[in-house]
Amino acid sequence: MNVLYQNRDIFARDISEIEIYKYFELELKPRSWDIKSYTRQYKLPEFEAEEAHKQILEMKEQGLVTENEDCAYNSPVFMVGKKITRSYGLRFKEN
C-alpha cells in the first residue's frame, strides 16, 4: 500500500485526471494491413449506452481519442459497474 501511496500521482481516479505525455504517441499497428478487424458492438442497455457515449466524449475532449470515419478496425466496449460508487466504467474489449 505504501508503494501505491508514494506513486499516487500516476493514477487517475476519473477521465478528467488523465493527461497526455507530449513526448510519446503510441502507434498501434494491425496484425496485417489486408485483414480487417471489425468486431460487432455488444448490445448495451440504454442507460449504459448513454454513459458510454458521455465517457467517450470526455476522452475526446481530453484529446485521448480521436474520431475516425473508417470503421474497418474497432474495439467493442462494455460497461463495468463499480460496487463502491455505484457508477459505471468504460472497458474496451481487446482482440
N, C-alpha and C. Protein backbone atom coordinates (compact mmCIF):
# COMPACT_ATOMS: atom_id res chain seq x y z
N MET A 1 0.82 -1.20 0.00
CA MET A 1 0.00 0.00 0.00
C MET A 1 0.86 1.25 0.00
N ASN A 2 1.99 1.20 0.68
CA ASN A 2 2.86 2.36 0.75
C ASN A 2 3.39 2.74 -0.63
N VAL A 3 3.70 1.73 -1.46
CA VAL A 3 4.18 1.99 -2.81
C VAL A 3 3.11 2.70 -3.64
N LEU A 4 1.87 2.25 -3.52
CA LEU A 4 0.77 2.90 -4.23
C LEU A 4 0.61 4.35 -3.79
N TYR A 5 0.69 4.57 -2.49
CA TYR A 5 0.53 5.93 -1.97
C TYR A 5 1.66 6.84 -2.45
N GLN A 6 2.87 6.33 -2.45
CA GLN A 6 4.02 7.12 -2.88
C GLN A 6 3.93 7.49 -4.36
N ASN A 7 3.24 6.67 -5.14
CA ASN A 7 3.11 6.93 -6.58
C ASN A 7 1.69 7.32 -6.97
N ARG A 8 0.94 7.88 -6.06
CA ARG A 8 -0.47 8.21 -6.31
C ARG A 8 -0.66 9.21 -7.44
N ASP A 9 0.36 10.00 -7.77
CA ASP A 9 0.23 10.99 -8.83
C ASP A 9 0.17 10.37 -10.23
N ILE A 10 0.46 9.09 -10.37
CA ILE A 10 0.40 8.46 -11.70
C ILE A 10 -0.91 7.72 -11.93
N PHE A 11 -1.79 7.68 -10.94
CA PHE A 11 -3.08 7.01 -11.07
C PHE A 11 -4.19 8.03 -11.24
N ALA A 12 -5.07 7.79 -12.19
CA ALA A 12 -6.21 8.68 -12.41
C ALA A 12 -7.45 8.07 -11.78
N ARG A 13 -8.20 8.86 -11.06
CA ARG A 13 -9.44 8.38 -10.46
C ARG A 13 -10.62 8.55 -11.40
N ASP A 14 -10.51 9.45 -12.36
CA ASP A 14 -11.52 9.57 -13.40
C ASP A 14 -10.87 10.13 -14.67
N ILE A 15 -11.64 10.21 -15.73
CA ILE A 15 -11.12 10.60 -17.04
C ILE A 15 -10.50 12.00 -17.02
N SER A 16 -11.06 12.90 -16.24
CA SER A 16 -10.55 14.28 -16.22
C SER A 16 -9.12 14.37 -15.67
N GLU A 17 -8.67 13.37 -14.92
CA GLU A 17 -7.32 13.38 -14.36
C GLU A 17 -6.27 12.78 -15.30
N ILE A 18 -6.71 12.21 -16.42
CA ILE A 18 -5.76 11.60 -17.37
C ILE A 18 -5.14 12.71 -18.21
N GLU A 19 -3.82 12.68 -18.30
CA GLU A 19 -3.10 13.67 -19.09
C GLU A 19 -2.36 12.99 -20.22
N ILE A 20 -2.00 13.77 -21.21
CA ILE A 20 -1.24 13.26 -22.35
C ILE A 20 0.23 13.58 -22.15
N TYR A 21 1.06 12.57 -22.34
CA TYR A 21 2.51 12.78 -22.29
C TYR A 21 2.93 13.24 -23.67
N LYS A 22 3.33 14.49 -23.79
CA LYS A 22 3.54 15.09 -25.11
C LYS A 22 4.75 14.54 -25.87
N TYR A 23 5.63 13.80 -25.19
CA TYR A 23 6.82 13.30 -25.86
C TYR A 23 6.66 11.87 -26.38
N PHE A 24 5.46 11.33 -26.31
CA PHE A 24 5.25 9.95 -26.76
C PHE A 24 3.86 9.79 -27.34
N GLU A 25 3.78 9.15 -28.48
CA GLU A 25 2.49 8.80 -29.08
C GLU A 25 2.53 7.33 -29.43
N LEU A 26 1.58 6.58 -28.94
CA LEU A 26 1.52 5.15 -29.19
C LEU A 26 1.06 4.91 -30.62
N GLU A 27 1.80 4.13 -31.35
CA GLU A 27 1.43 3.79 -32.71
C GLU A 27 0.91 2.36 -32.71
N LEU A 28 -0.37 2.21 -32.95
CA LEU A 28 -0.98 0.88 -32.98
C LEU A 28 -0.92 0.35 -34.41
N LYS A 29 -0.36 -0.84 -34.54
CA LYS A 29 -0.24 -1.45 -35.85
C LYS A 29 -1.09 -2.73 -35.89
N PRO A 30 -1.95 -2.85 -36.91
CA PRO A 30 -2.73 -4.09 -37.03
C PRO A 30 -1.82 -5.27 -37.37
N ARG A 31 -2.31 -6.46 -37.07
CA ARG A 31 -1.52 -7.66 -37.37
C ARG A 31 -1.19 -7.76 -38.85
N SER A 32 -2.15 -7.38 -39.68
CA SER A 32 -1.94 -7.41 -41.12
C SER A 32 -2.79 -6.31 -41.75
N TRP A 33 -2.24 -5.57 -42.69
CA TRP A 33 -2.97 -4.47 -43.31
C TRP A 33 -4.09 -4.95 -44.22
N ASP A 34 -4.01 -6.17 -44.73
CA ASP A 34 -5.03 -6.65 -45.66
C ASP A 34 -6.18 -7.38 -44.97
N ILE A 35 -6.08 -7.60 -43.67
CA ILE A 35 -7.14 -8.27 -42.93
C ILE A 35 -7.86 -7.26 -42.05
N LYS A 36 -9.15 -7.10 -42.28
CA LYS A 36 -9.93 -6.17 -41.47
C LYS A 36 -10.21 -6.79 -40.11
N SER A 37 -10.42 -5.94 -39.13
CA SER A 37 -10.61 -6.42 -37.77
C SER A 37 -11.85 -5.80 -37.15
N TYR A 38 -12.97 -5.90 -37.84
CA TYR A 38 -14.22 -5.34 -37.31
C TYR A 38 -14.87 -6.35 -36.37
N THR A 39 -15.26 -5.90 -35.20
CA THR A 39 -15.97 -6.73 -34.23
C THR A 39 -17.27 -6.02 -33.88
N ARG A 40 -18.35 -6.72 -33.96
CA ARG A 40 -19.66 -6.12 -33.70
C ARG A 40 -19.75 -5.63 -32.25
N GLN A 41 -20.36 -4.46 -32.07
CA GLN A 41 -20.54 -3.87 -30.75
C GLN A 41 -21.56 -4.67 -29.95
N TYR A 42 -21.27 -4.85 -28.66
CA TYR A 42 -22.22 -5.52 -27.78
C TYR A 42 -23.46 -4.65 -27.61
N LYS A 43 -24.61 -5.29 -27.48
CA LYS A 43 -25.83 -4.54 -27.23
C LYS A 43 -25.79 -4.06 -25.78
N LEU A 44 -25.93 -2.75 -25.59
CA LEU A 44 -25.92 -2.16 -24.26
C LEU A 44 -27.30 -1.65 -23.91
N PRO A 45 -27.71 -1.78 -22.64
CA PRO A 45 -28.95 -1.13 -22.22
C PRO A 45 -28.84 0.38 -22.45
N GLU A 46 -29.94 1.04 -22.63
CA GLU A 46 -29.94 2.47 -22.99
C GLU A 46 -29.13 3.32 -22.01
N PHE A 47 -29.29 3.09 -20.69
CA PHE A 47 -28.57 3.92 -19.72
C PHE A 47 -27.06 3.68 -19.80
N GLU A 48 -26.64 2.45 -20.13
CA GLU A 48 -25.21 2.17 -20.28
C GLU A 48 -24.67 2.78 -21.57
N ALA A 49 -25.47 2.73 -22.64
CA ALA A 49 -25.05 3.33 -23.91
C ALA A 49 -24.88 4.84 -23.75
N GLU A 50 -25.78 5.47 -23.00
CA GLU A 50 -25.66 6.92 -22.76
C GLU A 50 -24.41 7.23 -21.95
N GLU A 51 -24.12 6.42 -20.93
CA GLU A 51 -22.93 6.63 -20.10
C GLU A 51 -21.66 6.39 -20.92
N ALA A 52 -21.66 5.36 -21.77
CA ALA A 52 -20.50 5.09 -22.63
C ALA A 52 -20.26 6.27 -23.57
N HIS A 53 -21.33 6.79 -24.16
CA HIS A 53 -21.22 7.93 -25.07
C HIS A 53 -20.64 9.14 -24.33
N LYS A 54 -21.13 9.38 -23.12
CA LYS A 54 -20.64 10.51 -22.31
C LYS A 54 -19.15 10.36 -22.03
N GLN A 55 -18.72 9.15 -21.65
CA GLN A 55 -17.31 8.94 -21.33
C GLN A 55 -16.43 9.03 -22.57
N ILE A 56 -16.92 8.57 -23.71
CA ILE A 56 -16.15 8.69 -24.96
C ILE A 56 -16.00 10.16 -25.34
N LEU A 57 -17.06 10.95 -25.17
CA LEU A 57 -16.97 12.39 -25.45
C LEU A 57 -15.96 13.06 -24.52
N GLU A 58 -15.93 12.66 -23.25
CA GLU A 58 -14.95 13.21 -22.30
C GLU A 58 -13.53 12.87 -22.75
N MET A 59 -13.33 11.64 -23.20
CA MET A 59 -12.00 11.24 -23.68
C MET A 59 -11.61 12.03 -24.93
N LYS A 60 -12.59 12.31 -25.78
CA LYS A 60 -12.33 13.09 -26.99
C LYS A 60 -11.96 14.53 -26.61
N GLU A 61 -12.67 15.11 -25.65
CA GLU A 61 -12.36 16.47 -25.19
C GLU A 61 -10.97 16.55 -24.57
N GLN A 62 -10.56 15.49 -23.87
CA GLN A 62 -9.23 15.44 -23.25
C GLN A 62 -8.13 15.22 -24.29
N GLY A 63 -8.52 14.84 -25.52
CA GLY A 63 -7.54 14.55 -26.56
C GLY A 63 -6.99 13.13 -26.48
N LEU A 64 -7.68 12.26 -25.72
CA LEU A 64 -7.21 10.88 -25.55
C LEU A 64 -7.61 10.00 -26.72
N VAL A 65 -8.70 10.32 -27.39
CA VAL A 65 -9.16 9.59 -28.56
C VAL A 65 -9.54 10.59 -29.65
N THR A 66 -9.53 10.13 -30.88
CA THR A 66 -9.95 10.97 -31.99
C THR A 66 -11.03 10.24 -32.78
N GLU A 67 -11.82 11.01 -33.48
CA GLU A 67 -12.89 10.44 -34.29
C GLU A 67 -12.30 9.95 -35.61
N ASN A 68 -12.83 8.83 -36.08
CA ASN A 68 -12.34 8.24 -37.31
C ASN A 68 -13.53 7.74 -38.11
N GLU A 69 -13.54 8.01 -39.40
CA GLU A 69 -14.64 7.58 -40.26
C GLU A 69 -14.49 6.12 -40.72
N ASP A 70 -13.27 5.58 -40.66
CA ASP A 70 -13.02 4.21 -41.10
C ASP A 70 -13.32 3.25 -39.96
N CYS A 71 -14.37 2.46 -40.10
CA CYS A 71 -14.74 1.53 -39.02
C CYS A 71 -14.31 0.09 -39.34
N ALA A 72 -13.31 -0.06 -40.21
CA ALA A 72 -12.80 -1.40 -40.52
C ALA A 72 -12.09 -2.00 -39.31
N TYR A 73 -11.58 -1.15 -38.44
CA TYR A 73 -10.92 -1.59 -37.21
C TYR A 73 -11.64 -0.93 -36.05
N ASN A 74 -12.01 -1.70 -35.06
CA ASN A 74 -12.71 -1.14 -33.92
C ASN A 74 -12.47 -1.99 -32.69
N SER A 75 -12.97 -1.52 -31.59
CA SER A 75 -12.89 -2.25 -30.33
C SER A 75 -14.22 -2.09 -29.63
N PRO A 76 -14.99 -3.16 -29.50
CA PRO A 76 -16.28 -3.05 -28.81
C PRO A 76 -16.08 -2.63 -27.36
N VAL A 77 -17.07 -1.95 -26.82
CA VAL A 77 -17.00 -1.52 -25.43
C VAL A 77 -18.09 -2.19 -24.62
N PHE A 78 -17.86 -2.27 -23.32
CA PHE A 78 -18.90 -2.71 -22.40
C PHE A 78 -18.68 -1.96 -21.10
N MET A 79 -19.71 -1.88 -20.30
CA MET A 79 -19.66 -1.12 -19.05
C MET A 79 -19.47 -2.09 -17.88
N VAL A 80 -18.66 -1.67 -16.92
CA VAL A 80 -18.43 -2.46 -15.72
C VAL A 80 -18.87 -1.62 -14.53
N GLY A 81 -19.81 -2.16 -13.76
CA GLY A 81 -20.30 -1.44 -12.59
C GLY A 81 -19.28 -1.44 -11.46
N LYS A 82 -19.18 -0.31 -10.79
CA LYS A 82 -18.28 -0.19 -9.64
C LYS A 82 -19.13 -0.29 -8.37
N LYS A 83 -18.80 -1.25 -7.52
CA LYS A 83 -19.62 -1.52 -6.34
C LYS A 83 -19.65 -0.36 -5.36
N ILE A 84 -18.51 0.25 -5.12
CA ILE A 84 -18.42 1.29 -4.08
C ILE A 84 -19.18 2.56 -4.48
N THR A 85 -18.93 3.06 -5.69
CA THR A 85 -19.54 4.32 -6.10
C THR A 85 -20.86 4.14 -6.85
N ARG A 86 -21.17 2.90 -7.17
CA ARG A 86 -22.38 2.60 -7.97
C ARG A 86 -22.40 3.35 -9.29
N SER A 87 -21.22 3.54 -9.86
CA SER A 87 -21.10 4.17 -11.16
C SER A 87 -20.62 3.11 -12.16
N TYR A 88 -20.47 3.52 -13.39
CA TYR A 88 -20.04 2.59 -14.44
C TYR A 88 -18.76 3.08 -15.07
N GLY A 89 -17.87 2.16 -15.36
CA GLY A 89 -16.63 2.49 -16.05
C GLY A 89 -16.60 1.83 -17.41
N LEU A 90 -16.07 2.52 -18.36
CA LEU A 90 -16.00 2.04 -19.74
C LEU A 90 -14.82 1.09 -19.88
N ARG A 91 -15.03 -0.05 -20.53
CA ARG A 91 -13.96 -1.01 -20.78
C ARG A 91 -13.97 -1.34 -22.27
N PHE A 92 -12.79 -1.54 -22.83
CA PHE A 92 -12.65 -1.89 -24.22
C PHE A 92 -12.25 -3.34 -24.34
N LYS A 93 -12.86 -4.06 -25.27
CA LYS A 93 -12.51 -5.46 -25.50
C LYS A 93 -11.25 -5.50 -26.35
N GLU A 94 -10.30 -6.31 -25.96
CA GLU A 94 -9.07 -6.47 -26.74
C GLU A 94 -9.13 -7.79 -27.48
N ASN A 95 -8.76 -7.75 -28.74
CA ASN A 95 -8.75 -8.98 -29.55
C ASN A 95 -7.46 -9.71 -29.35
